[in-house]
């Protein structure tokens, strides 16, 4: 039988890996421009004016 410390360490490692993989999957499923990672504080839309 394994010691309780080893069992807890393995369980915590597995839980961290599952949580990280879920965060990655959820982050990559969003559409373009909806991710908050590495995004500027605010993005302003540029108005295009046609010069004729």
PDB file of N, CA and C in Angstrom:
ATOM      1  N   UNK A   1       0.846  -1.191   0.000  1.00  0.00           N
ATOM      2  CA  UNK A   1       0.000   0.000   0.000  1.00  0.00           C
ATOM      3  C   UNK A   1       0.886   1.247   0.000  1.00  0.00           C
ATOM      4  N   UNK A   2       0.523   2.230  -0.833  1.00  0.00           N
ATOM      5  CA  UNK A   2       1.319   3.453  -0.915  1.00  0.00           C
ATOM      6  C   UNK A   2       1.037   4.339   0.291  1.00  0.00           C
ATOM      7  N   UNK A   3       2.025   5.150   0.610  1.00  0.00           N
ATOM      8  CA  UNK A   3       1.831   6.067   1.733  1.00  0.00           C
ATOM      9  C   UNK A   3       0.827   7.152   1.345  1.00  0.00           C
ATOM     10  N   UNK A   4       0.128   7.719   2.321  1.00  0.00           N
ATOM     11  CA  UNK A   4      -0.879   8.751   2.022  1.00  0.00           C
ATOM     12  C   UNK A   4      -0.292   9.973   1.314  1.00  0.00           C
ATOM     13  N   UNK A   5       0.970  10.293   1.582  1.00  0.00           N
ATOM     14  CA  UNK A   5       1.588  11.454   0.947  1.00  0.00           C
ATOM     15  C   UNK A   5       1.700  11.229  -0.553  1.00  0.00           C
ATOM     16  N   UNK A   6       2.078  10.045  -0.966  1.00  0.00           N
ATOM     17  CA  UNK A   6       2.213   9.734  -2.384  1.00  0.00           C
ATOM     18  C   UNK A   6       0.843   9.751  -3.062  1.00  0.00           C
ATOM     19  N   UNK A   7      -0.155   9.221  -2.405  1.00  0.00           N
ATOM     20  CA  UNK A   7      -1.508   9.199  -2.977  1.00  0.00           C
ATOM     21  C   UNK A   7      -2.027  10.625  -3.158  1.00  0.00           C
ATOM     22  N   UNK A   8      -1.822  11.478  -2.160  1.00  0.00           N
ATOM     23  CA  UNK A   8      -2.274  12.864  -2.255  1.00  0.00           C
ATOM     24  C   UNK A   8      -1.513  13.601  -3.358  1.00  0.00           C
ATOM     25  N   UNK A   9      -0.215  13.366  -3.456  1.00  0.00           N
ATOM     26  CA  UNK A   9       0.586  14.031  -4.482  1.00  0.00           C
ATOM     27  C   UNK A   9       0.128  13.616  -5.882  1.00  0.00           C
ATOM     28  N   UNK A  10      -0.135  12.349  -6.088  1.00  0.00           N
ATOM     29  CA  UNK A  10      -0.596  11.871  -7.394  1.00  0.00           C
ATOM     30  C   UNK A  10      -1.978  12.439  -7.716  1.00  0.00           C
ATOM     31  N   UNK A  11      -2.856  12.473  -6.716  1.00  0.00           N
ATOM     32  CA  UNK A  11      -4.200  13.008  -6.925  1.00  0.00           C
ATOM     33  C   UNK A  11      -4.158  14.491  -7.266  1.00  0.00           C
ATOM     34  N   UNK A  12      -3.353  15.258  -6.550  1.00  0.00           N
ATOM     35  CA  UNK A  12      -3.240  16.689  -6.832  1.00  0.00           C
ATOM     36  C   UNK A  12      -2.650  16.934  -8.212  1.00  0.00           C
ATOM     37  N   UNK A  13      -1.651  16.158  -8.588  1.00  0.00           N
ATOM     38  CA  UNK A  13      -1.054  16.310  -9.915  1.00  0.00           C
ATOM     39  C   UNK A  13      -2.080  16.024 -11.005  1.00  0.00           C
ATOM     40  N   UNK A  14      -2.853  14.975 -10.822  1.00  0.00           N
ATOM     41  CA  UNK A  14      -3.876  14.642 -11.813  1.00  0.00           C
ATOM     42  C   UNK A  14      -4.933  15.741 -11.891  1.00  0.00           C
ATOM     43  N   UNK A  15      -5.336  16.279 -10.753  1.00  0.00           N
ATOM     44  CA  UNK A  15      -6.350  17.327 -10.746  1.00  0.00           C
ATOM     45  C   UNK A  15      -5.842  18.598 -11.434  1.00  0.00           C
ATOM     46  N   UNK A  16      -4.585  18.943 -11.208  1.00  0.00           N
ATOM     47  CA  UNK A  16      -4.001  20.128 -11.842  1.00  0.00           C
ATOM     48  C   UNK A  16      -3.925  19.929 -13.355  1.00  0.00           C
ATOM     49  N   UNK A  17      -3.544  18.756 -13.793  1.00  0.00           N
ATOM     50  CA  UNK A  17      -3.459  18.489 -15.228  1.00  0.00           C
ATOM     51  C   UNK A  17      -4.833  18.533 -15.892  1.00  0.00           C
ATOM     52  N   UNK A  18      -5.843  18.003 -15.227  1.00  0.00           N
ATOM     53  CA  UNK A  18      -7.195  18.041 -15.782  1.00  0.00           C
ATOM     54  C   UNK A  18      -7.698  19.475 -15.861  1.00  0.00           C
ATOM     55  N   UNK A  19      -7.472  20.254 -14.803  1.00  0.00           N
ATOM     56  CA  UNK A  19      -7.924  21.647 -14.794  1.00  0.00           C
ATOM     57  C   UNK A  19      -7.215  22.458 -15.877  1.00  0.00           C
ATOM     58  N   UNK A  20      -5.913  22.249 -16.042  1.00  0.00           N
ATOM     59  CA  UNK A  20      -5.166  22.985 -17.066  1.00  0.00           C
ATOM     60  C   UNK A  20      -5.649  22.616 -18.461  1.00  0.00           C
ATOM     61  N   UNK A  21      -5.900  21.345 -18.703  1.00  0.00           N
ATOM     62  CA  UNK A  21      -6.361  20.938 -20.026  1.00  0.00           C
ATOM     63  C   UNK A  21      -7.749  21.487 -20.316  1.00  0.00           C
ATOM     64  N   UNK A  22      -8.619  21.552 -19.306  1.00  0.00           N
ATOM     65  CA  UNK A  22      -9.944  22.128 -19.515  1.00  0.00           C
ATOM     66  C   UNK A  22      -9.855  23.619 -19.824  1.00  0.00           C
ATOM     67  N   UNK A  23      -8.975  24.323 -19.142  1.00  0.00           N
ATOM     68  CA  UNK A  23      -8.801  25.747 -19.418  1.00  0.00           C
ATOM     69  C   UNK A  23      -8.293  25.968 -20.831  1.00  0.00           C
ATOM     70  N   UNK A  24      -7.388  25.118 -21.287  1.00  0.00           N
ATOM     71  CA  UNK A  24      -6.857  25.254 -22.642  1.00  0.00           C
ATOM     72  C   UNK A  24      -7.955  24.976 -23.665  1.00  0.00           C
ATOM     73  N   UNK A  25      -8.751  23.939 -23.439  1.00  0.00           N
ATOM     74  CA  UNK A  25      -9.817  23.589 -24.378  1.00  0.00           C
ATOM     75  C   UNK A  25     -10.859  24.699 -24.435  1.00  0.00           C
ATOM     76  N   UNK A  26     -11.260  25.221 -23.288  1.00  0.00           N
ATOM     77  CA  UNK A  26     -12.265  26.289 -23.264  1.00  0.00           C
ATOM     78  C   UNK A  26     -11.705  27.545 -23.915  1.00  0.00           C
ATOM     79  N   UNK A  27     -10.440  27.842 -23.695  1.00  0.00           N
ATOM     80  CA  UNK A  27      -9.837  29.030 -24.281  1.00  0.00           C
ATOM     81  C   UNK A  27      -9.708  28.950 -25.788  1.00  0.00           C
ATOM     82  N   UNK A  28      -9.512  27.770 -26.320  1.00  0.00           N
ATOM     83  CA  UNK A  28      -9.345  27.635 -27.765  1.00  0.00           C
ATOM     84  C   UNK A  28     -10.668  27.469 -28.491  1.00  0.00           C
ATOM     85  N   UNK A  29     -11.767  27.222 -27.783  1.00  0.00           N
ATOM     86  CA  UNK A  29     -13.059  27.033 -28.438  1.00  0.00           C
ATOM     87  C   UNK A  29     -13.767  28.350 -28.701  1.00  0.00           C
ATOM     88  N   UNK A  30     -13.330  29.427 -28.081  1.00  0.00           N
ATOM     89  CA  UNK A  30     -13.973  30.710 -28.292  1.00  0.00           C
ATOM     90  C   UNK A  30     -13.651  31.235 -29.682  1.00  0.00           C
ATOM     91  N   UNK A  31     -14.514  32.108 -30.173  1.00  0.00           N
ATOM     92  CA  UNK A  31     -14.312  32.694 -31.488  1.00  0.00           C
ATOM     93  C   UNK A  31     -13.176  33.696 -31.459  1.00  0.00           C
ATOM     94  N   UNK A  32     -12.754  34.153 -32.616  1.00  0.00           N
ATOM     95  CA  UNK A  32     -11.662  35.125 -32.671  1.00  0.00           C
ATOM     96  C   UNK A  32     -12.071  36.443 -32.028  1.00  0.00           C
ATOM     97  N   UNK A  33     -11.175  36.991 -31.252  1.00  0.00           N
ATOM     98  CA  UNK A  33     -11.420  38.273 -30.612  1.00  0.00           C
ATOM     99  C   UNK A  33     -12.136  38.188 -29.284  1.00  0.00           C
ATOM    100  N   UNK A  34     -12.496  36.990 -28.837  1.00  0.00           N
ATOM    101  CA  UNK A  34     -13.210  36.877 -27.577  1.00  0.00           C
ATOM    102  C   UNK A  34     -12.303  36.426 -26.439  1.00  0.00           C
ATOM    103  N   UNK A  35     -11.105  36.043 -26.747  1.00  0.00           N
ATOM    104  CA  UNK A  35     -10.183  35.600 -25.708  1.00  0.00           C
ATOM    105  C   UNK A  35      -9.664  36.799 -24.926  1.00  0.00           C
ATOM    106  N   UNK A  36      -9.507  36.617 -23.621  1.00  0.00           N
ATOM    107  CA  UNK A  36      -9.000  37.709 -22.789  1.00  0.00           C
ATOM    108  C   UNK A  36      -7.513  37.556 -22.530  1.00  0.00           C
ATOM    109  N   UNK A  37      -6.917  36.495 -23.033  1.00  0.00           N
ATOM    110  CA  UNK A  37      -5.491  36.292 -22.827  1.00  0.00           C
ATOM    111  C   UNK A  37      -4.702  37.122 -23.830  1.00  0.00           C
ATOM    112  N   UNK A  38      -3.717  37.849 -23.360  1.00  0.00           N
ATOM    113  CA  UNK A  38      -2.832  38.658 -24.191  1.00  0.00           C
ATOM    114  C   UNK A  38      -3.586  39.670 -25.047  1.00  0.00           C
ATOM    115  N   UNK A  39      -4.725  40.126 -24.569  1.00  0.00           N
ATOM    116  CA  UNK A  39      -5.505  41.099 -25.323  1.00  0.00           C
ATOM    117  C   UNK A  39      -5.218  42.497 -24.788  1.00  0.00           C
ATOM    118  N   UNK A  40      -5.221  43.507 -25.668  1.00  0.00           N
ATOM    119  CA  UNK A  40      -5.055  44.874 -25.189  1.00  0.00           C
ATOM    120  C   UNK A  40      -6.237  45.272 -24.306  1.00  0.00           C
ATOM    121  N   UNK A  41      -6.063  46.314 -23.531  1.00  0.00           N
ATOM    122  CA  UNK A  41      -7.105  46.738 -22.605  1.00  0.00           C
ATOM    123  C   UNK A  41      -8.399  47.030 -23.347  1.00  0.00           C
ATOM    124  N   UNK A  42      -8.327  47.829 -24.376  1.00  0.00           N
ATOM    125  CA  UNK A  42      -9.509  48.102 -25.190  1.00  0.00           C
ATOM    126  C   UNK A  42      -9.079  48.249 -26.640  1.00  0.00           C
ATOM    127  N   UNK A  43      -9.889  47.732 -27.514  1.00  0.00           N
ATOM    128  CA  UNK A  43      -9.608  47.886 -28.933  1.00  0.00           C
ATOM    129  C   UNK A  43     -10.688  48.766 -29.529  1.00  0.00           C
ATOM    130  N   UNK A  44     -10.269  49.750 -30.284  1.00  0.00           N
ATOM    131  CA  UNK A  44     -11.223  50.642 -30.913  1.00  0.00           C
ATOM    132  C   UNK A  44     -11.356  50.272 -32.381  1.00  0.00           C
ATOM    133  N   UNK A  45     -12.582  50.316 -32.853  1.00  0.00           N
ATOM    134  CA  UNK A  45     -12.819  50.025 -34.263  1.00  0.00           C
ATOM    135  C   UNK A  45     -12.377  51.215 -35.098  1.00  0.00           C
ATOM    136  N   UNK A  46     -11.795  50.928 -36.236  1.00  0.00           N
ATOM    137  CA  UNK A  46     -11.320  51.974 -37.131  1.00  0.00           C
ATOM    138  C   UNK A  46     -12.392  52.229 -38.174  1.00  0.00           C
ATOM    139  N   UNK A  47     -12.776  53.483 -38.304  1.00  0.00           N
ATOM    140  CA  UNK A  47     -13.740  53.851 -39.345  1.00  0.00           C
ATOM    141  C   UNK A  47     -13.002  54.084 -40.636  1.00  0.00           C
ATOM    142  N   UNK A  48     -13.451  53.437 -41.673  1.00  0.00           N
ATOM    143  CA  UNK A  48     -12.838  53.625 -42.976  1.00  0.00           C
ATOM    144  C   UNK A  48     -13.637  54.664 -43.755  1.00  0.00           C
ATOM    145  N   UNK A  49     -12.987  55.708 -44.138  1.00  0.00           N
ATOM    146  CA  UNK A  49     -13.649  56.715 -44.952  1.00  0.00           C
ATOM    147  C   UNK A  49     -13.122  56.627 -46.374  1.00  0.00           C
ATOM    148  N   UNK A  50     -14.028  56.672 -47.299  1.00  0.00           N
ATOM    149  CA  UNK A  50     -13.646  56.585 -48.705  1.00  0.00           C
ATOM    150  C   UNK A  50     -13.402  57.963 -49.258  1.00  0.00           C
ATOM    151  N   UNK A  51     -12.198  58.186 -49.699  1.00  0.00           N
ATOM    152  CA  UNK A  51     -11.871  59.461 -50.304  1.00  0.00           C
ATOM    153  C   UNK A  51     -12.157  59.390 -51.798  1.00  0.00           C
ATOM    154  N   UNK A  52     -13.027  60.257 -52.273  1.00  0.00           N
ATOM    155  CA  UNK A  52     -13.403  60.225 -53.701  1.00  0.00           C
ATOM    156  C   UNK A  52     -12.991  61.519 -54.358  1.00  0.00           C
TER     157      UNK A  52
END
